[in-house]
PDB file of all heavy atoms in Angstrom:
ATOM      1  N   ALA A   1     -42.629  62.394 -50.396  1.00  0.00           N
ATOM      2  CA  ALA A   1     -41.756  61.455 -49.687  1.00  0.00           C
ATOM      3  C   ALA A   1     -41.983  61.518 -48.182  1.00  0.00           C
ATOM      4  O   ALA A   1     -42.014  60.492 -47.493  1.00  0.00           O
ATOM      5  CB  ALA A   1     -40.296  61.758 -50.027  1.00  0.00           C
ATOM      6  N   ILE A   2     -42.168  62.739 -47.649  1.00  0.00           N
ATOM      7  CA  ILE A   2     -42.409  62.882 -46.211  1.00  0.00           C
ATOM      8  C   ILE A   2     -43.790  62.348 -45.840  1.00  0.00           C
ATOM      9  O   ILE A   2     -43.960  61.630 -44.847  1.00  0.00           O
ATOM     10  CB  ILE A   2     -42.265  64.365 -45.800  1.00  0.00           C
ATOM     11  CG1 ILE A   2     -40.816  64.826 -45.988  1.00  0.00           C
ATOM     12  CG2 ILE A   2     -42.706  64.573 -44.359  1.00  0.00           C
ATOM     13  CD1 ILE A   2     -40.607  66.309 -45.732  1.00  0.00           C
ATOM     14  N   VAL A   3     -44.802  62.663 -46.655  1.00  0.00           N
ATOM     15  CA  VAL A   3     -46.164  62.198 -46.369  1.00  0.00           C
ATOM     16  C   VAL A   3     -46.218  60.675 -46.347  1.00  0.00           C
ATOM     17  O   VAL A   3     -46.889  60.071 -45.502  1.00  0.00           O
ATOM     18  CB  VAL A   3     -47.150  62.766 -47.409  1.00  0.00           C
ATOM     19  CG1 VAL A   3     -48.503  62.054 -47.319  1.00  0.00           C
ATOM     20  CG2 VAL A   3     -47.342  64.263 -47.198  1.00  0.00           C
ATOM     21  N   ARG A   4     -45.474  60.024 -47.227  1.00  0.00           N
ATOM     22  CA  ARG A   4     -45.509  58.558 -47.276  1.00  0.00           C
ATOM     23  C   ARG A   4     -44.855  57.940 -46.040  1.00  0.00           C
ATOM     24  O   ARG A   4     -45.227  56.845 -45.630  1.00  0.00           O
ATOM     25  CB  ARG A   4     -44.831  58.071 -48.556  1.00  0.00           C
ATOM     26  CG  ARG A   4     -45.656  58.406 -49.789  1.00  0.00           C
ATOM     27  CD  ARG A   4     -44.940  58.146 -51.088  1.00  0.00           C
ATOM     28  NE  ARG A   4     -45.699  58.700 -52.199  1.00  0.00           N
ATOM     29  CZ  ARG A   4     -45.288  58.678 -53.461  1.00  0.00           C
ATOM     30  NH1 ARG A   4     -44.129  58.126 -53.766  1.00  0.00           N
ATOM     31  NH2 ARG A   4     -46.039  59.198 -54.411  1.00  0.00           N
ATOM     32  N   LEU A   5     -43.900  58.637 -45.442  1.00  0.00           N
ATOM     33  CA  LEU A   5     -43.338  58.154 -44.176  1.00  0.00           C
ATOM     34  C   LEU A   5     -44.420  58.163 -43.090  1.00  0.00           C
ATOM     35  O   LEU A   5     -44.507  57.244 -42.274  1.00  0.00           O
ATOM     36  CB  LEU A   5     -42.160  59.034 -43.755  1.00  0.00           C
ATOM     37  CG  LEU A   5     -40.899  58.961 -44.628  1.00  0.00           C
ATOM     38  CD1 LEU A   5     -39.863  59.973 -44.142  1.00  0.00           C
ATOM     39  CD2 LEU A   5     -40.305  57.556 -44.607  1.00  0.00           C
ATOM     40  N   TYR A   6     -45.235  59.208 -43.094  1.00  0.00           N
ATOM     41  CA  TYR A   6     -46.313  59.289 -42.108  1.00  0.00           C
ATOM     42  C   TYR A   6     -47.404  58.259 -42.393  1.00  0.00           C
ATOM     43  O   TYR A   6     -48.015  57.726 -41.466  1.00  0.00           O
ATOM     44  CB  TYR A   6     -46.907  60.697 -42.092  1.00  0.00           C
ATOM     45  CG  TYR A   6     -46.082  61.690 -41.307  1.00  0.00           C
ATOM     46  CD1 TYR A   6     -44.963  62.296 -41.860  1.00  0.00           C
ATOM     47  CD2 TYR A   6     -46.410  62.021 -39.996  1.00  0.00           C
ATOM     48  CE1 TYR A   6     -44.190  63.204 -41.149  1.00  0.00           C
ATOM     49  CE2 TYR A   6     -45.659  62.932 -39.268  1.00  0.00           C
ATOM     50  CZ  TYR A   6     -44.541  63.514 -39.851  1.00  0.00           C
ATOM     51  OH  TYR A   6     -43.785  64.408 -39.124  1.00  0.00           O
ATOM     52  N   LEU A   7     -47.657  57.970 -43.672  1.00  0.00           N
ATOM     53  CA  LEU A   7     -48.656  56.951 -43.998  1.00  0.00           C
ATOM     54  C   LEU A   7     -48.243  55.582 -43.449  1.00  0.00           C
ATOM     55  O   LEU A   7     -49.092  54.784 -43.049  1.00  0.00           O
ATOM     56  CB  LEU A   7     -48.838  56.862 -45.520  1.00  0.00           C
ATOM     57  CG  LEU A   7     -49.583  58.015 -46.185  1.00  0.00           C
ATOM     58  CD1 LEU A   7     -49.602  57.831 -47.694  1.00  0.00           C
ATOM     59  CD2 LEU A   7     -51.008  58.118 -45.655  1.00  0.00           C
ATOM     60  N   ALA A   8     -46.942  55.336 -43.418  1.00  0.00           N
ATOM     61  CA  ALA A   8     -46.456  54.040 -42.948  1.00  0.00           C
ATOM     62  C   ALA A   8     -46.730  53.825 -41.469  1.00  0.00           C
ATOM     63  O   ALA A   8     -46.798  52.683 -41.005  1.00  0.00           O
ATOM     64  CB  ALA A   8     -44.957  53.904 -43.234  1.00  0.00           C
ATOM     65  N   VAL A   9     -46.889  54.914 -40.704  1.00  0.00           N
ATOM     66  CA  VAL A   9     -47.182  54.794 -39.262  1.00  0.00           C
ATOM     67  C   VAL A   9     -48.517  55.480 -38.951  1.00  0.00           C
ATOM     68  O   VAL A   9     -48.702  56.066 -37.891  1.00  0.00           O
ATOM     69  CB  VAL A   9     -46.043  55.412 -38.410  1.00  0.00           C
ATOM     70  CG1 VAL A   9     -44.775  54.604 -38.550  1.00  0.00           C
ATOM     71  CG2 VAL A   9     -45.783  56.869 -38.815  1.00  0.00           C
ATOM     72  N   TRP A  10     -49.450  55.376 -39.888  1.00  0.00           N
ATOM     73  CA  TRP A  10     -50.732  56.077 -39.816  1.00  0.00           C
ATOM     74  C   TRP A  10     -51.441  55.870 -38.493  1.00  0.00           C
ATOM     75  O   TRP A  10     -51.943  56.798 -37.866  1.00  0.00           O
ATOM     76  CB  TRP A  10     -51.604  55.613 -40.977  1.00  0.00           C
ATOM     77  CG  TRP A  10     -53.000  56.158 -40.967  1.00  0.00           C
ATOM     78  CD1 TRP A  10     -54.123  55.542 -40.499  1.00  0.00           C
ATOM     79  CD2 TRP A  10     -53.424  57.440 -41.451  1.00  0.00           C
ATOM     80  NE1 TRP A  10     -55.226  56.340 -40.666  1.00  0.00           N
ATOM     81  CE2 TRP A  10     -54.825  57.518 -41.246  1.00  0.00           C
ATOM     82  CE3 TRP A  10     -52.774  58.532 -42.021  1.00  0.00           C
ATOM     83  CZ2 TRP A  10     -55.566  58.630 -41.602  1.00  0.00           C
ATOM     84  CZ3 TRP A  10     -53.519  59.632 -42.383  1.00  0.00           C
ATOM     85  CH2 TRP A  10     -54.883  59.680 -42.172  1.00  0.00           C
ATOM     86  N   HIS A  11     -51.512  54.621 -38.026  1.00  0.00           N
ATOM     87  CA  HIS A  11     -52.286  54.314 -36.829  1.00  0.00           C
ATOM     88  C   HIS A  11     -51.615  54.829 -35.548  1.00  0.00           C
ATOM     89  O   HIS A  11     -52.232  54.805 -34.478  1.00  0.00           O
ATOM     90  CB  HIS A  11     -52.528  52.812 -36.725  1.00  0.00           C
ATOM     91  CG  HIS A  11     -53.420  52.293 -37.814  1.00  0.00           C
ATOM     92  ND1 HIS A  11     -54.770  52.563 -37.861  1.00  0.00           N
ATOM     93  CD2 HIS A  11     -53.144  51.546 -38.922  1.00  0.00           C
ATOM     94  CE1 HIS A  11     -55.296  52.000 -38.928  1.00  0.00           C
ATOM     95  NE2 HIS A  11     -54.346  51.372 -39.580  1.00  0.00           N
ATOM     96  N   ASP A  12     -50.367  55.267 -35.642  1.00  0.00           N
ATOM     97  CA  ASP A  12     -49.679  55.810 -34.473  1.00  0.00           C
ATOM     98  C   ASP A  12     -49.733  57.340 -34.434  1.00  0.00           C
ATOM     99  O   ASP A  12     -49.225  57.944 -33.487  1.00  0.00           O
ATOM    100  CB  ASP A  12     -48.211  55.360 -34.463  1.00  0.00           C
ATOM    101  CG  ASP A  12     -48.077  53.859 -34.288  1.00  0.00           C
ATOM    102  OD1 ASP A  12     -48.944  53.287 -33.605  1.00  0.00           O
ATOM    103  OD2 ASP A  12     -47.127  53.269 -34.819  1.00  0.00           O
ATOM    104  N   LEU A  13     -50.318  57.962 -35.449  1.00  0.00           N
ATOM    105  CA  LEU A  13     -50.313  59.421 -35.531  1.00  0.00           C
ATOM    106  C   LEU A  13     -51.438  60.017 -34.702  1.00  0.00           C
ATOM    107  O   LEU A  13     -52.538  59.467 -34.628  1.00  0.00           O
ATOM    108  CB  LEU A  13     -50.478  59.865 -36.990  1.00  0.00           C
ATOM    109  CG  LEU A  13     -49.385  59.450 -37.979  1.00  0.00           C
ATOM    110  CD1 LEU A  13     -49.733  59.959 -39.372  1.00  0.00           C
ATOM    111  CD2 LEU A  13     -48.021  59.969 -37.558  1.00  0.00           C
ATOM    112  N   PRO A  14     -51.195  61.163 -34.082  1.00  0.00           N
ATOM    113  CA  PRO A  14     -52.292  61.879 -33.427  1.00  0.00           C
ATOM    114  C   PRO A  14     -53.250  62.448 -34.465  1.00  0.00           C
ATOM    115  O   PRO A  14     -52.916  62.559 -35.651  1.00  0.00           O
ATOM    116  CB  PRO A  14     -51.576  62.999 -32.658  1.00  0.00           C
ATOM    117  CG  PRO A  14     -50.265  63.187 -33.361  1.00  0.00           C
ATOM    118  CD  PRO A  14     -49.887  61.829 -33.908  1.00  0.00           C
ATOM    119  N   SER A  15     -54.438  62.814 -34.012  1.00  0.00           N
ATOM    120  CA  SER A  15     -55.494  63.246 -34.929  1.00  0.00           C
ATOM    121  C   SER A  15     -55.071  64.456 -35.761  1.00  0.00           C
ATOM    122  O   SER A  15     -55.376  64.524 -36.955  1.00  0.00           O
ATOM    123  CB  SER A  15     -56.761  63.564 -34.130  1.00  0.00           C
ATOM    124  OG  SER A  15     -57.774  64.038 -34.984  1.00  0.00           O
ATOM    125  N   ALA A  16     -54.360  65.402 -35.160  1.00  0.00           N
ATOM    126  CA  ALA A  16     -53.976  66.621 -35.890  1.00  0.00           C
ATOM    127  C   ALA A  16     -53.080  66.287 -37.078  1.00  0.00           C
ATOM    128  O   ALA A  16     -53.240  66.843 -38.173  1.00  0.00           O
ATOM    129  CB  ALA A  16     -53.272  67.594 -34.948  1.00  0.00           C
ATOM    130  N   GLN A  17     -52.117  65.387 -36.876  1.00  0.00           N
ATOM    131  CA  GLN A  17     -51.234  65.006 -37.975  1.00  0.00           C
ATOM    132  C   GLN A  17     -51.983  64.215 -39.035  1.00  0.00           C
ATOM    133  O   GLN A  17     -51.718  64.357 -40.232  1.00  0.00           O
ATOM    134  CB  GLN A  17     -50.051  64.198 -37.431  1.00  0.00           C
ATOM    135  CG  GLN A  17     -49.069  65.023 -36.616  1.00  0.00           C
ATOM    136  CD  GLN A  17     -47.850  64.229 -36.195  1.00  0.00           C
ATOM    137  OE1 GLN A  17     -47.879  63.004 -36.117  1.00  0.00           O
ATOM    138  NE2 GLN A  17     -46.769  64.926 -35.900  1.00  0.00           N
ATOM    139  N   ARG A  18     -52.939  63.382 -38.609  1.00  0.00           N
ATOM    140  CA  ARG A  18     -53.732  62.640 -39.595  1.00  0.00           C
ATOM    141  C   ARG A  18     -54.500  63.588 -40.507  1.00  0.00           C
ATOM    142  O   ARG A  18     -54.617  63.352 -41.714  1.00  0.00           O
ATOM    143  CB  ARG A  18     -54.714  61.705 -38.880  1.00  0.00           C
ATOM    144  CG  ARG A  18     -54.071  60.474 -38.264  1.00  0.00           C
ATOM    145  CD  ARG A  18     -55.144  59.514 -37.782  1.00  0.00           C
ATOM    146  NE  ARG A  18     -54.580  58.329 -37.168  1.00  0.00           N
ATOM    147  CZ  ARG A  18     -55.297  57.280 -36.789  1.00  0.00           C
ATOM    148  NH1 ARG A  18     -56.602  57.279 -36.965  1.00  0.00           N
ATOM    149  NH2 ARG A  18     -54.724  56.232 -36.230  1.00  0.00           N
ATOM    150  N   GLN A  19     -55.029  64.659 -39.923  1.00  0.00           N
ATOM    151  CA  GLN A  19     -55.777  65.622 -40.721  1.00  0.00           C
ATOM    152  C   GLN A  19     -54.892  66.250 -41.792  1.00  0.00           C
ATOM    153  O   GLN A  19     -55.293  66.398 -42.947  1.00  0.00           O
ATOM    154  CB  GLN A  19     -56.364  66.709 -39.804  1.00  0.00           C
ATOM    155  CG  GLN A  19     -57.424  66.217 -38.835  1.00  0.00           C
ATOM    156  CD  GLN A  19     -58.768  65.983 -39.498  1.00  0.00           C
ATOM    157  OE1 GLN A  19     -58.939  66.294 -40.667  1.00  0.00           O
ATOM    158  NE2 GLN A  19     -59.708  65.418 -38.768  1.00  0.00           N
ATOM    159  N   VAL A  20     -53.663  66.620 -41.422  1.00  0.00           N
ATOM    160  CA  VAL A  20     -52.737  67.239 -42.378  1.00  0.00           C
ATOM    161  C   VAL A  20     -52.376  66.249 -43.482  1.00  0.00           C
ATOM    162  O   VAL A  20     -52.384  66.580 -44.680  1.00  0.00           O
ATOM    163  CB  VAL A  20     -51.461  67.726 -41.657  1.00  0.00           C
ATOM    164  CG1 VAL A  20     -50.449  68.258 -42.667  1.00  0.00           C
ATOM    165  CG2 VAL A  20     -51.810  68.799 -40.640  1.00  0.00           C
ATOM    166  N   VAL A  21     -52.059  65.004 -43.081  1.00  0.00           N
ATOM    167  CA  VAL A  21     -51.697  63.985 -44.067  1.00  0.00           C
ATOM    168  C   VAL A  21     -52.864  63.713 -45.005  1.00  0.00           C
ATOM    169  O   VAL A  21     -52.692  63.618 -46.229  1.00  0.00           O
ATOM    170  CB  VAL A  21     -51.251  62.693 -43.351  1.00  0.00           C
ATOM    171  CG1 VAL A  21     -51.055  61.565 -44.357  1.00  0.00           C
ATOM    172  CG2 VAL A  21     -49.967  62.925 -42.572  1.00  0.00           C
ATOM    173  N   TYR A  22     -54.074  63.591 -44.441  1.00  0.00           N
ATOM    174  CA  TYR A  22     -55.233  63.264 -45.263  1.00  0.00           C
ATOM    175  C   TYR A  22     -55.534  64.370 -46.265  1.00  0.00           C
ATOM    176  O   TYR A  22     -55.925  64.099 -47.407  1.00  0.00           O
ATOM    177  CB  TYR A  22     -56.445  63.012 -44.370  1.00  0.00           C
ATOM    178  CG  TYR A  22     -57.666  62.583 -45.141  1.00  0.00           C
ATOM    179  CD1 TYR A  22     -57.747  61.322 -45.723  1.00  0.00           C
ATOM    180  CD2 TYR A  22     -58.756  63.438 -45.293  1.00  0.00           C
ATOM    181  CE1 TYR A  22     -58.855  60.928 -46.441  1.00  0.00           C
ATOM    182  CE2 TYR A  22     -59.873  63.048 -46.008  1.00  0.00           C
ATOM    183  CZ  TYR A  22     -59.922  61.788 -46.576  1.00  0.00           C
ATOM    184  OH  TYR A  22     -61.028  61.398 -47.288  1.00  0.00           O
ATOM    185  N   ARG A  23     -55.345  65.630 -45.865  1.00  0.00           N
ATOM    186  CA  ARG A  23     -55.588  66.746 -46.810  1.00  0.00           C
ATOM    187  C   ARG A  23     -54.660  66.637 -48.010  1.00  0.00           C
ATOM    188  O   ARG A  23     -55.067  66.880 -49.149  1.00  0.00           O
ATOM    189  CB  ARG A  23     -55.395  68.080 -46.093  1.00  0.00           C
ATOM    190  CG  ARG A  23     -56.525  68.459 -45.170  1.00  0.00           C
ATOM    191  CD  ARG A  23     -56.446  69.938 -44.817  1.00  0.00           C
ATOM    192  NE  ARG A  23     -57.484  70.327 -43.890  1.00  0.00           N
ATOM    193  CZ  ARG A  23     -57.705  71.578 -43.512  1.00  0.00           C
ATOM    194  NH1 ARG A  23     -56.938  72.546 -43.978  1.00  0.00           N
ATOM    195  NH2 ARG A  23     -58.675  71.863 -42.666  1.00  0.00           N
ATOM    196  N   HIS A  24     -53.391  66.279 -47.746  1.00  0.00           N
ATOM    197  CA  HIS A  24     -52.468  66.128 -48.868  1.00  0.00           C
ATOM    198  C   HIS A  24     -52.878  64.955 -49.752  1.00  0.00           C
ATOM    199  O   HIS A  24     -52.878  65.064 -50.986  1.00  0.00           O
ATOM    200  CB  HIS A  24     -51.034  65.925 -48.362  1.00  0.00           C
ATOM    201  CG  HIS A  24     -50.068  65.595 -49.467  1.00  0.00           C
ATOM    202  ND1 HIS A  24     -49.458  66.557 -50.249  1.00  0.00           N
ATOM    203  CD2 HIS A  24     -49.617  64.387 -49.936  1.00  0.00           C
ATOM    204  CE1 HIS A  24     -48.688  65.975 -51.150  1.00  0.00           C
ATOM    205  NE2 HIS A  24     -48.766  64.662 -50.974  1.00  0.00           N
ATOM    206  N   VAL A  25     -53.235  63.834 -49.129  1.00  0.00           N
ATOM    207  CA  VAL A  25     -53.586  62.635 -49.892  1.00  0.00           C
ATOM    208  C   VAL A  25     -54.793  62.892 -50.784  1.00  0.00           C
ATOM    209  O   VAL A  25     -54.859  62.398 -51.914  1.00  0.00           O
ATOM    210  CB  VAL A  25     -53.851  61.454 -48.933  1.00  0.00           C
ATOM    211  CG1 VAL A  25     -54.422  60.262 -49.681  1.00  0.00           C
ATOM    212  CG2 VAL A  25     -52.569  61.056 -48.222  1.00  0.00           C
ATOM    213  N   GLN A  26     -55.752  63.684 -50.291  1.00  0.00           N
ATOM    214  CA  GLN A  26     -56.941  63.972 -51.089  1.00  0.00           C
ATOM    215  C   GLN A  26     -56.608  64.653 -52.406  1.00  0.00           C
ATOM    216  O   GLN A  26     -57.331  64.483 -53.393  1.00  0.00           O
ATOM    217  CB  GLN A  26     -57.902  64.858 -50.295  1.00  0.00           C
ATOM    218  CG  GLN A  26     -58.800  64.091 -49.318  1.00  0.00           C
ATOM    219  CD  GLN A  26     -59.891  64.977 -48.764  1.00  0.00           C
ATOM    220  OE1 GLN A  26     -59.625  66.077 -48.272  1.00  0.00           O
ATOM    221  NE2 GLN A  26     -61.129  64.525 -48.829  1.00  0.00           N
ATOM    222  N   SER A  27     -55.521  65.413 -52.433  1.00  0.00           N
ATOM    223  CA  SER A  27     -55.178  66.178 -53.635  1.00  0.00           C
ATOM    224  C   SER A  27     -54.001  65.594 -54.399  1.00  0.00           C
ATOM    225  O   SER A  27     -53.549  66.193 -55.363  1.00  0.00           O
ATOM    226  CB  SER A  27     -54.868  67.630 -53.244  1.00  0.00           C
ATOM    227  OG  SER A  27     -53.735  67.680 -52.370  1.00  0.00           O
ATOM    228  N   CYS A  28     -53.495  64.424 -53.986  1.00  0.00           N
ATOM    229  CA  CYS A  28     -52.291  63.855 -54.614  1.00  0.00           C
ATOM    230  C   CYS A  28     -52.584  62.424 -55.053  1.00  0.00           C
ATOM    231  O   CYS A  28     -52.745  61.532 -54.209  1.00  0.00           O
ATOM    232  CB  CYS A  28     -51.119  63.892 -53.636  1.00  0.00           C
ATOM    233  SG  CYS A  28     -49.605  63.138 -54.301  1.00  0.00           S
ATOM    234  N   ALA A  29     -52.632  62.202 -56.355  1.00  0.00           N
ATOM    235  CA  ALA A  29     -52.957  60.874 -56.878  1.00  0.00           C
ATOM    236  C   ALA A  29     -51.899  59.845 -56.502  1.00  0.00           C
ATOM    237  O   ALA A  29     -52.225  58.688 -56.186  1.00  0.00           O
ATOM    238  CB  ALA A  29     -53.103  60.933 -58.399  1.00  0.00           C
ATOM    239  N   GLN A  30     -50.605  60.247 -56.515  1.00  0.00           N
ATOM    240  CA  GLN A  30     -49.540  59.296 -56.187  1.00  0.00           C
ATOM    241  C   GLN A  30     -49.637  58.834 -54.734  1.00  0.00           C
ATOM    242  O   GLN A  30     -49.478  57.644 -54.437  1.00  0.00           O
ATOM    243  CB  GLN A  30     -48.162  59.925 -56.453  1.00  0.00           C
ATOM    244  CG  GLN A  30     -47.839  60.146 -57.917  1.00  0.00           C
ATOM    245  CD  GLN A  30     -48.511  61.375 -58.490  1.00  0.00           C
ATOM    246  OE1 GLN A  30     -49.041  62.204 -57.743  1.00  0.00           O
ATOM    247  NE2 GLN A  30     -48.502  61.501 -59.809  1.00  0.00           N
ATOM    248  N   CYS A  31     -49.917  59.749 -53.816  1.00  0.00           N
ATOM    249  CA  CYS A  31     -50.032  59.369 -52.409  1.00  0.00           C
ATOM    250  C   CYS A  31     -51.323  58.594 -52.145  1.00  0.00           C
ATOM    251  O   CYS A  31     -51.383  57.767 -51.235  1.00  0.00           O
ATOM    252  CB  CYS A  31     -49.956  60.607 -51.519  1.00  0.00           C
ATOM    253  SG  CYS A  31     -48.289  61.347 -51.469  1.00  0.00           S
ATOM    254  N   GLN A  32     -52.349  58.845 -52.942  1.00  0.00           N
ATOM    255  CA  GLN A  32     -53.552  58.031 -52.846  1.00  0.00           C
ATOM    256  C   GLN A  32     -53.235  56.579 -53.210  1.00  0.00           C
ATOM    257  O   GLN A  32     -53.694  55.647 -52.552  1.00  0.00           O
ATOM    258  CB  GLN A  32     -54.642  58.582 -53.763  1.00  0.00           C
ATOM    259  CG  GLN A  32     -55.224  59.915 -53.301  1.00  0.00           C
ATOM    260  CD  GLN A  32     -56.075  60.570 -54.368  1.00  0.00           C
ATOM    261  OE1 GLN A  32     -56.401  59.961 -55.388  1.00  0.00           O
ATOM    262  NE2 GLN A  32     -56.431  61.833 -54.152  1.00  0.00           N
ATOM    263  N   ASP A  33     -52.446  56.396 -54.273  1.00  0.00           N
ATOM    264  CA  ASP A  33     -52.019  55.040 -54.643  1.00  0.00           C
ATOM    265  C   ASP A  33     -51.251  54.386 -53.501  1.00  0.00           C
ATOM    266  O   ASP A  33     -51.456  53.208 -53.183  1.00  0.00           O
ATOM    267  CB  ASP A  33     -51.133  55.089 -55.890  1.00  0.00           C
ATOM    268  CG  ASP A  33     -51.935  55.400 -57.144  1.00  0.00           C
ATOM    269  OD1 ASP A  33     -53.165  55.182 -57.128  1.00  0.00           O
ATOM    270  OD2 ASP A  33     -51.340  55.872 -58.127  1.00  0.00           O
ATOM    271  N   GLU A  34     -50.357  55.150 -52.890  1.00  0.00           N
ATOM    272  CA  GLU A  34     -49.549  54.608 -51.798  1.00  0.00           C
ATOM    273  C   GLU A  34     -50.439  54.180 -50.621  1.00  0.00           C
ATOM    274  O   GLU A  34     -50.245  53.104 -50.042  1.00  0.00           O
ATOM    275  CB  GLU A  34     -48.554  55.669 -51.333  1.00  0.00           C
ATOM    276  CG  GLU A  34     -47.581  55.194 -50.255  1.00  0.00           C
ATOM    277  CD  GLU A  34     -46.470  54.335 -50.811  1.00  0.00           C
ATOM    278  OE1 GLU A  34     -46.310  54.295 -52.056  1.00  0.00           O
ATOM    279  OE2 GLU A  34     -45.764  53.691 -50.014  1.00  0.00           O
ATOM    280  N   LEU A  35     -51.419  55.020 -50.284  1.00  0.00           N
ATOM    281  CA  LEU A  35     -52.321  54.691 -49.185  1.00  0.00           C
ATOM    282  C   LEU A  35     -53.144  53.455 -49.505  1.00  0.00           C
ATOM    283  O   LEU A  35     -53.338  52.583 -48.649  1.00  0.00           O
ATOM    284  CB  LEU A  35     -53.238  55.882 -48.901  1.00  0.00           C
ATOM    285  CG  LEU A  35     -54.272  55.677 -47.784  1.00  0.00           C
ATOM    286  CD1 LEU A  35     -53.585  55.337 -46.466  1.00  0.00           C
ATOM    287  CD2 LEU A  35     -55.141  56.916 -47.635  1.00  0.00           C
ATOM    288  N   ARG A  36     -53.613  53.334 -50.727  1.00  0.00           N
ATOM    289  CA  ARG A  36     -54.405  52.156 -51.118  1.00  0.00           C
ATOM    290  C   ARG A  36     -53.574  50.875 -50.985  1.00  0.00           C
ATOM    291  O   ARG A  36     -54.060  49.855 -50.516  1.00  0.00           O
ATOM    292  CB  ARG A  36     -54.883  52.299 -52.558  1.00  0.00           C
ATOM    293  CG  ARG A  36     -55.778  53.482 -52.872  1.00  0.00           C
ATOM    294  CD  ARG A  36     -57.148  53.397 -52.222  1.00  0.00           C
ATOM    295  NE  ARG A  36     -57.139  53.877 -50.854  1.00  0.00           N
ATOM    296  CZ  ARG A  36     -57.149  55.157 -50.505  1.00  0.00           C
ATOM    297  NH1 ARG A  36     -57.141  56.104 -51.415  1.00  0.00           N
ATOM    298  NH2 ARG A  36     -57.170  55.509 -49.251  1.00  0.00           N
ATOM    299  N   VAL A  37     -52.306  50.943 -51.409  1.00  0.00           N
ATOM    300  CA  VAL A  37     -51.437  49.768 -51.316  1.00  0.00           C
ATOM    301  C   VAL A  37     -51.225  49.373 -49.860  1.00  0.00           C
ATOM    302  O   VAL A  37     -51.296  48.186 -49.500  1.00  0.00           O
ATOM    303  CB  VAL A  37     -50.081  50.045 -52.002  1.00  0.00           C
ATOM    304  CG1 VAL A  37     -49.086  48.933 -51.701  1.00  0.00           C
ATOM    305  CG2 VAL A  37     -50.273  50.157 -53.506  1.00  0.00           C
ATOM    306  N   LEU A  38     -50.971  50.358 -49.006  1.00  0.00           N
ATOM    307  CA  LEU A  38     -50.776  50.064 -47.587  1.00  0.00           C
ATOM    308  C   LEU A  38     -52.026  49.452 -46.975  1.00  0.00           C
ATOM    309  O   LEU A  38     -51.963  48.490 -46.206  1.00  0.00           O
ATOM    310  CB  LEU A  38     -50.387  51.341 -46.839  1.00  0.00           C
ATOM    311  CG  LEU A  38     -48.994  51.905 -47.139  1.00  0.00           C
ATOM    312  CD1 LEU A  38     -48.820  53.276 -46.500  1.00  0.00           C
ATOM    313  CD2 LEU A  38     -47.911  50.964 -46.646  1.00  0.00           C
ATOM    314  N   GLN A  39     -53.191  50.003 -47.305  1.00  0.00           N
ATOM    315  CA  GLN A  39     -54.441  49.476 -46.754  1.00  0.00           C
ATOM    316  C   GLN A  39     -54.697  48.054 -47.234  1.00  0.00           C
ATOM    317  O   GLN A  39     -55.077  47.180 -46.464  1.00  0.00           O
ATOM    318  CB  GLN A  39     -55.610  50.385 -47.139  1.00  0.00           C
ATOM    319  CG  GLN A  39     -55.587  51.740 -46.435  1.00  0.00           C
ATOM    320  CD  GLN A  39     -56.694  52.654 -46.916  1.00  0.00           C
ATOM    321  OE1 GLN A  39     -57.205  52.519 -48.032  1.00  0.00           O
ATOM    322  NE2 GLN A  39     -57.068  53.626 -46.094  1.00  0.00           N
ATOM    323  N   ARG A  40     -54.500  47.827 -48.540  1.00  0.00           N
ATOM    324  CA  ARG A  40     -54.744  46.489 -49.064  1.00  0.00           C
ATOM    325  C   ARG A  40     -53.748  45.485 -48.492  1.00  0.00           C
ATOM    326  O   ARG A  40     -54.104  44.337 -48.195  1.00  0.00           O
ATOM    327  CB  ARG A  40     -54.688  46.508 -50.605  1.00  0.00           C
ATOM    328  CG  ARG A  40     -54.890  45.136 -51.248  1.00  0.00           C
ATOM    329  CD  ARG A  40     -56.170  44.457 -50.814  1.00  0.00           C
ATOM    330  NE  ARG A  40     -57.352  45.182 -51.199  1.00  0.00           N
ATOM    331  CZ  ARG A  40     -57.997  44.992 -52.354  1.00  0.00           C
ATOM    332  NH1 ARG A  40     -57.559  44.077 -53.194  1.00  0.00           N
ATOM    333  NH2 ARG A  40     -59.073  45.681 -52.628  1.00  0.00           N
ATOM    334  N   SER A  41     -52.494  45.898 -48.314  1.00  0.00           N
ATOM    335  CA  SER A  41     -51.504  44.991 -47.723  1.00  0.00           C
ATOM    336  C   SER A  41     -51.920  44.588 -46.319  1.00  0.00           C
ATOM    337  O   SER A  41     -51.834  43.417 -45.932  1.00  0.00           O
ATOM    338  CB  SER A  41     -50.127  45.664 -47.697  1.00  0.00           C
ATOM    339  OG  SER A  41     -49.699  46.000 -48.987  1.00  0.00           O
ATOM    340  N   THR A  42     -52.390  45.576 -45.528  1.00  0.00           N
ATOM    341  CA  THR A  42     -52.859  45.277 -44.175  1.00  0.00           C
ATOM    342  C   THR A  42     -54.033  44.313 -44.205  1.00  0.00           C
ATOM    343  O   THR A  42     -54.100  43.357 -43.426  1.00  0.00           O
ATOM    344  CB  THR A  42     -53.265  46.572 -43.459  1.00  0.00           C
ATOM    345  OG1 THR A  42     -52.137  47.451 -43.405  1.00  0.00           O
ATOM    346  CG2 THR A  42     -53.751  46.282 -42.042  1.00  0.00           C
ATOM    347  N   GLN A  43     -54.970  44.540 -45.120  1.00  0.00           N
ATOM    348  CA  GLN A  43     -56.132  43.660 -45.220  1.00  0.00           C
ATOM    349  C   GLN A  43     -55.740  42.252 -45.639  1.00  0.00           C
ATOM    350  O   GLN A  43     -56.289  41.267 -45.143  1.00  0.00           O
ATOM    351  CB  GLN A  43     -57.134  44.235 -46.216  1.00  0.00           C
ATOM    352  CG  GLN A  43     -57.760  45.545 -45.767  1.00  0.00           C
ATOM    353  CD  GLN A  43     -58.258  46.371 -46.920  1.00  0.00           C
ATOM    354  OE1 GLN A  43     -58.403  45.874 -48.045  1.00  0.00           O
ATOM    355  NE2 GLN A  43     -58.513  47.639 -46.666  1.00  0.00           N
ATOM    356  N   MET A  44     -54.753  42.133 -46.544  1.00  0.00           N
ATOM    357  CA  MET A  44     -54.308  40.815 -46.984  1.00  0.00           C
ATOM    358  C   MET A  44     -53.683  40.035 -45.837  1.00  0.00           C
ATOM    359  O   MET A  44     -53.931  38.840 -45.661  1.00  0.00           O
ATOM    360  CB  MET A  44     -53.315  40.956 -48.149  1.00  0.00           C
ATOM    361  CG  MET A  44     -53.945  41.449 -49.438  1.00  0.00           C
ATOM    362  SD  MET A  44     -52.709  41.793 -50.721  1.00  0.00           S
ATOM    363  CE  MET A  44     -52.071  40.154 -51.013  1.00  0.00           C
TER     364      MET A  44
END
């Protein structure tokens, strides 16, 4: 739940926080789904 809050403001995060968030996303299928949805929504 906390990681998804950070995904919502991904482009505003400093590099250190992005690294922490990305490490979690790499190992979490649910957060990977969330990131894909956010990316596709932005692209749409």
